Amino acid sequence: MPDLAGPTSALPSRTRFILELIAAFVITRLPFINVPFKWLESYFHELSHGVGAILTGGAVSHIQLFPNGAGLCFTQGGSSVVTAFAGYFGAALWGWLIFSLPKSNNKARASLVLLGLCVLMSLVLWARDLLTIVILFSLLVLFLSPLKLPNWAGLQSLLRMLGLMVILNAMASPMVLFGLSGQGDAVKLAELTWIPAGLWVLVWLASSATILWFCWSSVSRHNQKQR
């Protein structure tokens, strides 16, 4: 992966952000290479379902992840509306968090450790089948392997690109729901609320686009302060 980071800084320049965004977009579109990053968005999607259930008084039984980037989160109790909505919306929020974490090289390394621990806890608590275990272990390696590169200047850039890839996948994934009938989070929300499934898809698209705009805005504000 090219080193786009240059000197360590809280946020990249506008030019560097655009380069990182283009790189993230290209990687998410490359066959085979994009698979782990689909898993990444799928993991945060299912994790967000679980968080939504837990925050509204429910519990998570287990999660399932599939090689094609699909996933399932099995919950008990809690608000069905919040739990169903949280998947795509929460994944984009996770992307924003990952993008915002690397304020320095040391913080980027600490962030990778925390993200690795999050995956490890999910693996121990909620993984029940071999495929899910293999996928979560792969994500654990994805987060922890860069730590073997001491003082690598590109570590912050890597984290920002991972965050952008999660946001971009969270933006693209709901589009698939337009071609599905009788299944998916949007259909479930439509059944629960009587609001059309297509409207829920548009809400997710708008929220992901807004979060991507927040990333750009934070970069722009930072660059203006540096003048």
C-alpha atoms as a PDB file:
ATOM      1  CA  MET A   1       0.000   0.000   0.000  1.00  0.00           C
ATOM      2  CA  PRO A   2       1.486   3.383  -0.869  1.00  0.00           C
ATOM      3  CA  ASP A   3       2.608   5.654   1.926  1.00  0.00           C
ATOM      4  CA  LEU A   4       0.173   8.543   1.744  1.00  0.00           C
ATOM      5  CA  ALA A   5       0.768   9.839   5.215  1.00  0.00           C
ATOM      6  CA  GLY A   6       4.009  11.762   5.073  1.00  0.00           C
ATOM      7  CA  PRO A   7       4.820  13.468   8.375  1.00  0.00           C
ATOM      8  CA  THR A   8       2.619  12.556  11.279  1.00  0.00           C
ATOM      9  CA  SER A   9      -0.266  15.003  11.795  1.00  0.00           C
ATOM     10  CA  ALA A  10      -3.640  15.055  13.468  1.00  0.00           C
ATOM     11  CA  LEU A  11      -5.448  15.085  10.121  1.00  0.00           C
ATOM     12  CA  PRO A  12      -4.265  14.936   6.508  1.00  0.00           C
ATOM     13  CA  SER A  13      -4.178  17.772   4.037  1.00  0.00           C
ATOM     14  CA  ARG A  14      -7.131  18.084   1.679  1.00  0.00           C
ATOM     15  CA  THR A  15      -5.039  16.623  -1.153  1.00  0.00           C
ATOM     16  CA  ARG A  16      -3.946  13.666   0.960  1.00  0.00           C
ATOM     17  CA  PHE A  17      -7.538  13.059   2.071  1.00  0.00           C
ATOM     18  CA  ILE A  18      -8.682  12.936  -1.561  1.00  0.00           C
ATOM     19  CA  LEU A  19      -5.864  10.500  -2.389  1.00  0.00           C
ATOM     20  CA  GLU A  20      -6.798   8.312   0.572  1.00  0.00           C
ATOM     21  CA  LEU A  21     -10.476   8.426  -0.413  1.00  0.00           C
ATOM     22  CA  ILE A  22      -9.650   7.452  -4.015  1.00  0.00           C
ATOM     23  CA  ALA A  23      -7.389   4.631  -2.802  1.00  0.00           C
ATOM     24  CA  ALA A  24     -10.111   3.412  -0.418  1.00  0.00           C
ATOM     25  CA  PHE A  25     -12.693   3.494  -3.231  1.00  0.00           C
ATOM     26  CA  VAL A  26     -10.448   1.597  -5.636  1.00  0.00           C
ATOM     27  CA  ILE A  27      -9.564  -1.068  -3.053  1.00  0.00           C
ATOM     28  CA  THR A  28     -13.241  -1.670  -2.249  1.00  0.00           C
ATOM     29  CA  ARG A  29     -13.862  -2.291  -5.968  1.00  0.00           C
ATOM     30  CA  LEU A  30     -10.947  -4.635  -6.701  1.00  0.00           C
ATOM     31  CA  PRO A  31     -12.000  -8.299  -7.008  1.00  0.00           C
ATOM     32  CA  PHE A  32     -10.571 -10.598  -4.337  1.00  0.00           C
ATOM     33  CA  ILE A  33      -8.550  -7.787  -2.709  1.00  0.00           C
ATOM     34  CA  ASN A  34     -11.763  -6.139  -1.522  1.00  0.00           C
ATOM     35  CA  VAL A  35     -13.021  -9.272   0.288  1.00  0.00           C
ATOM     36  CA  PRO A  36     -11.440  -8.611   3.727  1.00  0.00           C
ATOM     37  CA  PHE A  37     -12.780  -5.065   3.646  1.00  0.00           C
ATOM     38  CA  LYS A  38     -16.282  -6.339   2.866  1.00  0.00           C
ATOM     39  CA  TRP A  39     -15.889  -8.563   5.920  1.00  0.00           C
ATOM     40  CA  LEU A  40     -14.834  -5.505   7.896  1.00  0.00           C
ATOM     41  CA  GLU A  41     -18.017  -3.583   7.045  1.00  0.00           C
ATOM     42  CA  SER A  42     -20.117  -6.711   7.598  1.00  0.00           C
ATOM     43  CA  TYR A  43     -18.550  -7.199  11.030  1.00  0.00           C
ATOM     44  CA  PHE A  44     -19.260  -3.619  12.104  1.00  0.00           C
ATOM     45  CA  HIS A  45     -22.759  -3.919  10.619  1.00  0.00           C
ATOM     46  CA  GLU A  46     -23.581  -6.982  12.712  1.00  0.00           C
ATOM     47  CA  LEU A  47     -21.797  -5.547  15.746  1.00  0.00           C
ATOM     48  CA  SER A  48     -23.986  -2.446  15.448  1.00  0.00           C
ATOM     49  CA  HIS A  49     -27.116  -4.613  15.400  1.00  0.00           C
ATOM     50  CA  GLY A  50     -25.849  -6.171  18.621  1.00  0.00           C
ATOM     51  CA  VAL A  51     -25.071  -2.805  20.208  1.00  0.00           C
ATOM     52  CA  GLY A  52     -28.542  -1.555  19.252  1.00  0.00           C
ATOM     53  CA  ALA A  53     -30.135  -4.556  20.942  1.00  0.00           C
ATOM     54  CA  ILE A  54     -27.992  -4.254  24.079  1.00  0.00           C
ATOM     55  CA  LEU A  55     -28.594  -0.499  24.445  1.00  0.00           C
ATOM     56  CA  THR A  56     -32.355  -1.071  24.337  1.00  0.00           C
ATOM     57  CA  GLY A  57     -32.342  -3.837  26.935  1.00  0.00           C
ATOM     58  CA  GLY A  58     -31.768  -6.892  24.755  1.00  0.00           C
ATOM     59  CA  ALA A  59     -28.931  -9.383  24.387  1.00  0.00           C
ATOM     60  CA  VAL A  60     -26.854 -10.931  21.611  1.00  0.00           C
ATOM     61  CA  SER A  61     -26.957 -14.688  21.133  1.00  0.00           C
ATOM     62  CA  HIS A  62     -24.367 -14.980  18.347  1.00  0.00           C
ATOM     63  CA  ILE A  63     -23.319 -13.560  15.006  1.00  0.00           C
ATOM     64  CA  GLN A  64     -22.671 -15.188  11.648  1.00  0.00           C
ATOM     65  CA  LEU A  65     -20.404 -13.840   8.905  1.00  0.00           C
ATOM     66  CA  PHE A  66     -20.224 -15.234   5.372  1.00  0.00           C
ATOM     67  CA  PRO A  67     -17.461 -15.124   2.728  1.00  0.00           C
ATOM     68  CA  ASN A  68     -19.579 -12.965   0.362  1.00  0.00           C
ATOM     69  CA  GLY A  69     -19.767 -10.150   2.925  1.00  0.00           C
ATOM     70  CA  ALA A  70     -23.228 -10.999   4.244  1.00  0.00           C
ATOM     71  CA  GLY A  71     -23.903 -11.545   7.914  1.00  0.00           C
ATOM     72  CA  LEU A  72     -26.494 -12.168  10.608  1.00  0.00           C
ATOM     73  CA  CYS A  73     -26.836 -11.053  14.201  1.00  0.00           C
ATOM     74  CA  PHE A  74     -29.112 -13.100  16.452  1.00  0.00           C
ATOM     75  CA  THR A  75     -30.555 -11.024  19.283  1.00  0.00           C
ATOM     76  CA  GLN A  76     -33.113 -11.443  22.029  1.00  0.00           C
ATOM     77  CA  GLY A  77     -35.250  -8.630  23.383  1.00  0.00           C
ATOM     78  CA  GLY A  78     -34.582  -4.933  22.961  1.00  0.00           C
ATOM     79  CA  SER A  79     -36.149  -2.592  20.423  1.00  0.00           C
ATOM     80  CA  SER A  80     -36.605  -4.336  17.085  1.00  0.00           C
ATOM     81  CA  VAL A  81     -36.695  -0.996  15.258  1.00  0.00           C
ATOM     82  CA  VAL A  82     -33.454   0.300  16.804  1.00  0.00           C
ATOM     83  CA  THR A  83     -31.733  -3.055  16.324  1.00  0.00           C
ATOM     84  CA  ALA A  84     -32.711  -3.304  12.650  1.00  0.00           C
ATOM     85  CA  PHE A  85     -31.831   0.330  11.895  1.00  0.00           C
ATOM     86  CA  ALA A  86     -28.484   0.218  13.695  1.00  0.00           C
ATOM     87  CA  GLY A  87     -26.723  -2.076  11.187  1.00  0.00           C
ATOM     88  CA  TYR A  88     -25.976   0.221   8.247  1.00  0.00           C
ATOM     89  CA  PHE A  89     -26.082   3.404  10.311  1.00  0.00           C
ATOM     90  CA  GLY A  90     -23.779   1.994  12.971  1.00  0.00           C
ATOM     91  CA  ALA A  91     -21.275   0.663  10.421  1.00  0.00           C
ATOM     92  CA  ALA A  92     -20.870   4.166   8.985  1.00  0.00           C
ATOM     93  CA  LEU A  93     -20.389   5.550  12.505  1.00  0.00           C
ATOM     94  CA  TRP A  94     -17.701   2.947  13.156  1.00  0.00           C
ATOM     95  CA  GLY A  95     -15.994   4.081   9.961  1.00  0.00           C
ATOM     96  CA  TRP A  96     -16.071   7.688  11.152  1.00  0.00           C
ATOM     97  CA  LEU A  97     -14.634   6.656  14.521  1.00  0.00           C
ATOM     98  CA  ILE A  98     -11.792   4.707  12.868  1.00  0.00           C
ATOM     99  CA  PHE A  99     -11.078   7.654  10.559  1.00  0.00           C
ATOM    100  CA  SER A 100     -10.953  10.056  13.508  1.00  0.00           C
ATOM    101  CA  LEU A 101      -8.828   7.926  15.858  1.00  0.00           C
ATOM    102  CA  PRO A 102      -5.264   8.260  14.495  1.00  0.00           C
ATOM    103  CA  LYS A 103      -4.291  11.665  15.906  1.00  0.00           C
ATOM    104  CA  SER A 104      -0.682  10.500  16.179  1.00  0.00           C
ATOM    105  CA  ASN A 105       1.330   7.391  15.379  1.00  0.00           C
ATOM    106  CA  ASN A 106       1.136   6.236  19.006  1.00  0.00           C
ATOM    107  CA  LYS A 107      -2.639   6.766  19.083  1.00  0.00           C
ATOM    108  CA  ALA A 108      -2.966   4.938  15.780  1.00  0.00           C
ATOM    109  CA  ARG A 109      -1.143   1.943  17.255  1.00  0.00           C
ATOM    110  CA  ALA A 110      -3.321   2.057  20.385  1.00  0.00           C
ATOM    111  CA  SER A 111      -6.427   2.292  18.179  1.00  0.00           C
ATOM    112  CA  LEU A 112      -5.414  -0.828  16.251  1.00  0.00           C
ATOM    113  CA  VAL A 113      -4.950  -2.683  19.543  1.00  0.00           C
ATOM    114  CA  LEU A 114      -8.405  -1.580  20.765  1.00  0.00           C
ATOM    115  CA  LEU A 115     -10.038  -2.588  17.488  1.00  0.00           C
ATOM    116  CA  GLY A 116      -8.244  -5.931  17.656  1.00  0.00           C
ATOM    117  CA  LEU A 117      -9.514  -6.468  21.204  1.00  0.00           C
ATOM    118  CA  CYS A 118     -13.045  -5.641  20.041  1.00  0.00           C
ATOM    119  CA  VAL A 119     -12.811  -8.304  17.337  1.00  0.00           C
ATOM    120  CA  LEU A 120     -11.274 -10.772  19.799  1.00  0.00           C
ATOM    121  CA  MET A 121     -14.132 -10.243  22.287  1.00  0.00           C
ATOM    122  CA  SER A 122     -16.676 -10.757  19.503  1.00  0.00           C
ATOM    123  CA  LEU A 123     -14.874 -13.942  18.483  1.00  0.00           C
ATOM    124  CA  VAL A 124     -14.923 -15.325  22.023  1.00  0.00           C
ATOM    125  CA  LEU A 125     -18.455 -14.249  22.942  1.00  0.00           C
ATOM    126  CA  TRP A 126     -20.470 -14.494  19.738  1.00  0.00           C
ATOM    127  CA  ALA A 127     -18.718 -16.699  17.146  1.00  0.00           C
ATOM    128  CA  ARG A 128     -20.233 -20.195  16.963  1.00  0.00           C
ATOM    129  CA  ASP A 129     -19.464 -21.519  13.466  1.00  0.00           C
ATOM    130  CA  LEU A 130     -16.164 -22.145  11.703  1.00  0.00           C
ATOM    131  CA  LEU A 131     -16.678 -19.602   8.907  1.00  0.00           C
ATOM    132  CA  THR A 132     -17.373 -16.789  11.361  1.00  0.00           C
ATOM    133  CA  ILE A 133     -14.358 -17.782  13.450  1.00  0.00           C
ATOM    134  CA  VAL A 134     -12.095 -17.759  10.376  1.00  0.00           C
ATOM    135  CA  ILE A 135     -13.399 -14.371   9.193  1.00  0.00           C
ATOM    136  CA  LEU A 136     -13.061 -12.764  12.628  1.00  0.00           C
ATOM    137  CA  PHE A 137      -9.568 -14.178  13.002  1.00  0.00           C
ATOM    138  CA  SER A 138      -8.692 -12.695   9.595  1.00  0.00           C
ATOM    139  CA  LEU A 139      -9.942  -9.279  10.769  1.00  0.00           C
ATOM    140  CA  LEU A 140      -7.893  -9.667  13.939  1.00  0.00           C
ATOM    141  CA  VAL A 141      -4.789 -10.206  11.791  1.00  0.00           C
ATOM    142  CA  LEU A 142      -5.769  -7.195   9.644  1.00  0.00           C
ATOM    143  CA  PHE A 143      -5.768  -4.931  12.703  1.00  0.00           C
ATOM    144  CA  LEU A 144      -2.757  -6.351  14.537  1.00  0.00           C
ATOM    145  CA  SER A 145      -0.282  -7.145  11.736  1.00  0.00           C
ATOM    146  CA  PRO A 146       0.598  -3.441  11.058  1.00  0.00           C
ATOM    147  CA  LEU A 147       1.838  -3.209  14.654  1.00  0.00           C
ATOM    148  CA  LYS A 148       4.875  -5.240  13.585  1.00  0.00           C
ATOM    149  CA  LEU A 149       6.035  -2.203  11.577  1.00  0.00           C
ATOM    150  CA  PRO A 150       7.570   0.109  14.214  1.00  0.00           C
ATOM    151  CA  ASN A 151       7.311   3.847  13.565  1.00  0.00           C
ATOM    152  CA  TRP A 152       5.786   3.291  10.142  1.00  0.00           C
ATOM    153  CA  ALA A 153       4.759   6.735   8.866  1.00  0.00           C
ATOM    154  CA  GLY A 154       1.815   5.275   6.954  1.00  0.00           C
ATOM    155  CA  LEU A 155       0.037   3.877  10.019  1.00  0.00           C
ATOM    156  CA  GLN A 156      -2.245   6.879  10.408  1.00  0.00           C
ATOM    157  CA  SER A 157      -3.036   6.828   6.706  1.00  0.00           C
ATOM    158  CA  LEU A 158      -3.836   3.119   6.895  1.00  0.00           C
ATOM    159  CA  LEU A 159      -6.349   3.648   9.695  1.00  0.00           C
ATOM    160  CA  ARG A 160      -7.999   6.558   7.924  1.00  0.00           C
ATOM    161  CA  MET A 161      -8.301   4.474   4.761  1.00  0.00           C
ATOM    162  CA  LEU A 162      -9.810   1.585   6.725  1.00  0.00           C
ATOM    163  CA  GLY A 163     -12.369   3.995   8.168  1.00  0.00           C
ATOM    164  CA  LEU A 164     -13.159   5.381   4.723  1.00  0.00           C
ATOM    165  CA  MET A 165     -13.538   1.866   3.306  1.00  0.00           C
ATOM    166  CA  VAL A 166     -16.048   0.996   6.043  1.00  0.00           C
ATOM    167  CA  ILE A 167     -18.018   4.178   5.278  1.00  0.00           C
ATOM    168  CA  LEU A 168     -17.941   3.555   1.513  1.00  0.00           C
ATOM    169  CA  ASN A 169     -19.083  -0.050   1.948  1.00  0.00           C
ATOM    170  CA  ALA A 170     -21.793   1.065   4.382  1.00  0.00           C
ATOM    171  CA  MET A 171     -22.941   3.478   1.670  1.00  0.00           C
ATOM    172  CA  ALA A 172     -22.875   0.878  -1.107  1.00  0.00           C
ATOM    173  CA  SER A 173     -24.345  -2.096   0.771  1.00  0.00           C
ATOM    174  CA  PRO A 174     -27.910  -0.740   1.206  1.00  0.00           C
ATOM    175  CA  MET A 175     -28.164  -0.314  -2.578  1.00  0.00           C
ATOM    176  CA  VAL A 176     -28.341  -4.107  -2.850  1.00  0.00           C
ATOM    177  CA  LEU A 177     -31.605  -3.981  -0.904  1.00  0.00           C
ATOM    178  CA  PHE A 178     -33.328  -2.299  -3.859  1.00  0.00           C
ATOM    179  CA  GLY A 179     -33.016  -5.601  -5.694  1.00  0.00           C
ATOM    180  CA  LEU A 180     -34.290  -7.778  -2.860  1.00  0.00           C
ATOM    181  CA  SER A 181     -37.879  -8.595  -2.052  1.00  0.00           C
ATOM    182  CA  GLY A 182     -39.109  -9.938   1.240  1.00  0.00           C
ATOM    183  CA  GLN A 183     -35.730  -9.833   3.013  1.00  0.00           C
ATOM    184  CA  GLY A 184     -33.182  -7.462   4.503  1.00  0.00           C
ATOM    185  CA  ASP A 185     -33.170  -4.828   7.236  1.00  0.00           C
ATOM    186  CA  ALA A 186     -35.203  -2.358   5.165  1.00  0.00           C
ATOM    187  CA  VAL A 187     -38.025  -4.869   4.671  1.00  0.00           C
ATOM    188  CA  LYS A 188     -38.005  -5.697   8.371  1.00  0.00           C
ATOM    189  CA  LEU A 189     -38.209  -2.009   9.276  1.00  0.00           C
ATOM    190  CA  ALA A 190     -41.022  -1.521   6.770  1.00  0.00           C
ATOM    191  CA  GLU A 191     -42.966  -4.334   8.460  1.00  0.00           C
ATOM    192  CA  LEU A 192     -42.329  -2.839  11.908  1.00  0.00           C
ATOM    193  CA  THR A 193     -43.054   0.808  11.085  1.00  0.00           C
ATOM    194  CA  TRP A 194     -45.172   0.861   7.882  1.00  0.00           C
ATOM    195  CA  ILE A 195     -42.551   3.193   6.385  1.00  0.00           C
ATOM    196  CA  PRO A 196     -41.580   1.946   2.889  1.00  0.00           C
ATOM    197  CA  ALA A 197     -38.384  -0.063   2.669  1.00  0.00           C
ATOM    198  CA  GLY A 198     -37.010   2.222  -0.059  1.00  0.00           C
ATOM    199  CA  LEU A 199     -37.211   5.197   2.294  1.00  0.00           C
ATOM    200  CA  TRP A 200     -35.113   3.385   4.895  1.00  0.00           C
ATOM    201  CA  VAL A 201     -32.498   2.671   2.223  1.00  0.00           C
ATOM    202  CA  LEU A 202     -32.408   6.360   1.321  1.00  0.00           C
ATOM    203  CA  VAL A 203     -32.007   7.287   5.007  1.00  0.00           C
ATOM    204  CA  TRP A 204     -29.005   4.954   5.286  1.00  0.00           C
ATOM    205  CA  LEU A 205     -27.481   6.325   2.104  1.00  0.00           C
ATOM    206  CA  ALA A 206     -27.984   9.898   3.301  1.00  0.00           C
ATOM    207  CA  SER A 207     -26.523   9.165   6.738  1.00  0.00           C
ATOM    208  CA  SER A 208     -23.417   7.492   5.253  1.00  0.00           C
ATOM    209  CA  ALA A 209     -22.947  10.369   2.809  1.00  0.00           C
ATOM    210  CA  THR A 210     -23.311  12.847   5.697  1.00  0.00           C
ATOM    211  CA  ILE A 211     -20.702  11.003   7.753  1.00  0.00           C
ATOM    212  CA  LEU A 212     -18.324  11.054   4.769  1.00  0.00           C
ATOM    213  CA  TRP A 213     -18.952  14.787   4.521  1.00  0.00           C
ATOM    214  CA  PHE A 214     -18.114  15.137   8.229  1.00  0.00           C
ATOM    215  CA  CYS A 215     -14.738  13.499   7.517  1.00  0.00           C
ATOM    216  CA  TRP A 216     -14.066  16.012   4.756  1.00  0.00           C
ATOM    217  CA  SER A 217     -15.265  18.921   6.906  1.00  0.00           C
ATOM    218  CA  SER A 218     -12.960  17.969   9.777  1.00  0.00           C
ATOM    219  CA  VAL A 219     -10.031  17.863   7.340  1.00  0.00           C
ATOM    220  CA  SER A 220     -10.991  21.254   5.866  1.00  0.00           C
ATOM    221  CA  ARG A 221     -11.320  22.883   9.294  1.00  0.00           C
ATOM    222  CA  HIS A 222      -7.985  21.444  10.386  1.00  0.00           C
ATOM    223  CA  ASN A 223      -6.252  22.754   7.272  1.00  0.00           C
ATOM    224  CA  GLN A 224      -7.757  26.218   7.709  1.00  0.00           C
ATOM    225  CA  LYS A 225      -6.444  26.373  11.292  1.00  0.00           C
ATOM    226  CA  GLN A 226      -2.969  25.430  10.082  1.00  0.00           C
ATOM    227  CA  ARG A 227      -2.765  28.525   7.849  1.00  0.00           C
END
